[in-house]
Amino acid sequence: MTKEHCFICGTSHSRKEWCPPDAFAVVKCECGKEFLLPIDVLFCGIGFCGDCGRDDRWSSSRATLDDMKRLWLDYGETKQ
């Protein structure tokens, strides 16, 4: 299989493969909002929380396969 750069996660993998969980972090605000974020984007910084409006209460951890299953459906979507 040919590996190609993936613009979703920033790694290289086959188009038929899922993005690797270790390319993502689970980012969580103290208000409870959490989402997936590619690790390379995390290093650029996180803006304000759309739920509480603050920008100083974020924590992050490496995503697991269970996190991917739980959070992938909403990945990249903005809730209004």
Protein backbone atom coordinates (compact mmCIF):
# COMPACT_ATOMS: atom_id res chain seq x y z
CA MET A 1 0.00 0.00 0.00
CA THR A 2 1.17 3.47 -0.85
CA LYS A 3 1.38 5.93 2.00
CA GLU A 4 0.27 9.49 1.34
CA HIS A 5 0.21 12.63 3.46
CA CYS A 6 -3.14 12.92 5.25
CA PHE A 7 -4.48 16.46 5.61
CA ILE A 8 -6.85 15.33 8.38
CA CYS A 9 -4.27 14.11 10.88
CA GLY A 10 -0.97 15.36 9.43
CA THR A 11 0.64 11.91 9.20
CA SER A 12 1.31 9.58 6.26
CA HIS A 13 -0.80 6.46 5.84
CA SER A 14 -2.73 4.54 3.20
CA ARG A 15 -6.04 6.04 2.15
CA LYS A 16 -7.71 2.79 3.20
CA GLU A 17 -6.39 3.07 6.77
CA TRP A 18 -7.94 5.10 9.58
CA CYS A 19 -5.98 8.03 10.93
CA PRO A 20 -3.82 6.79 13.83
CA PRO A 21 -5.17 7.74 17.28
CA ASP A 22 -1.72 8.85 18.46
CA ALA A 23 -1.84 11.68 15.87
CA PHE A 24 -4.66 13.27 17.89
CA ALA A 25 -5.20 14.71 21.34
CA VAL A 26 -8.42 14.95 23.30
CA VAL A 27 -8.73 18.58 24.34
CA LYS A 28 -11.07 19.37 27.21
CA CYS A 29 -12.23 22.64 28.76
CA GLU A 30 -13.12 22.83 32.45
CA CYS A 31 -16.73 23.50 31.39
CA GLY A 32 -16.89 19.96 29.96
CA LYS A 33 -16.56 20.61 26.21
CA GLU A 34 -14.13 18.16 24.61
CA PHE A 35 -13.03 17.39 21.08
CA LEU A 36 -10.33 15.80 18.94
CA LEU A 37 -7.47 17.95 17.70
CA PRO A 38 -4.48 16.88 15.58
CA ILE A 39 -1.29 17.01 17.68
CA ASP A 40 0.44 19.35 15.21
CA VAL A 41 -2.42 21.85 15.53
CA LEU A 42 -2.34 21.59 19.33
CA PHE A 43 1.20 22.99 19.33
CA CYS A 44 -0.10 26.12 17.55
CA GLY A 45 -2.39 26.89 20.50
CA ILE A 46 -6.07 26.65 21.31
CA GLY A 47 -8.52 29.53 21.04
CA PHE A 48 -11.48 30.27 23.24
CA CYS A 49 -14.13 27.71 24.20
CA GLY A 50 -17.32 28.09 22.19
CA ASP A 51 -19.39 26.98 25.19
CA CYS A 52 -18.05 29.14 28.02
CA GLY A 53 -16.06 31.80 26.13
CA ARG A 54 -12.84 31.34 28.13
CA ASP A 55 -9.44 30.50 26.67
CA ASP A 56 -7.34 29.60 29.70
CA ARG A 57 -8.91 26.39 31.02
CA TRP A 58 -7.85 23.71 28.51
CA SER A 59 -6.24 20.37 29.27
CA SER A 60 -5.17 17.75 26.75
CA SER A 61 -4.25 14.08 26.60
CA ARG A 62 -3.32 11.66 23.82
CA ALA A 63 -6.35 10.19 22.09
CA THR A 64 -7.06 6.47 22.43
CA LEU A 65 -9.02 4.29 20.04
CA ASP A 66 -12.03 4.61 22.37
CA ASP A 67 -11.72 8.42 22.24
CA MET A 68 -11.64 8.28 18.44
CA LYS A 69 -14.78 6.14 18.35
CA ARG A 70 -16.55 8.46 20.79
CA LEU A 71 -15.50 11.82 19.29
CA TRP A 72 -14.88 11.16 15.58
CA LEU A 73 -18.49 11.74 14.54
CA ASP A 74 -18.25 15.43 15.46
CA TYR A 75 -14.62 15.87 14.36
CA GLY A 76 -14.20 19.18 12.57
CA GLU A 77 -17.79 20.31 13.01
CA THR A 78 -18.74 23.55 14.69
CA LYS A 79 -21.85 23.42 16.86
CA GLN A 80 -24.04 26.50 17.00
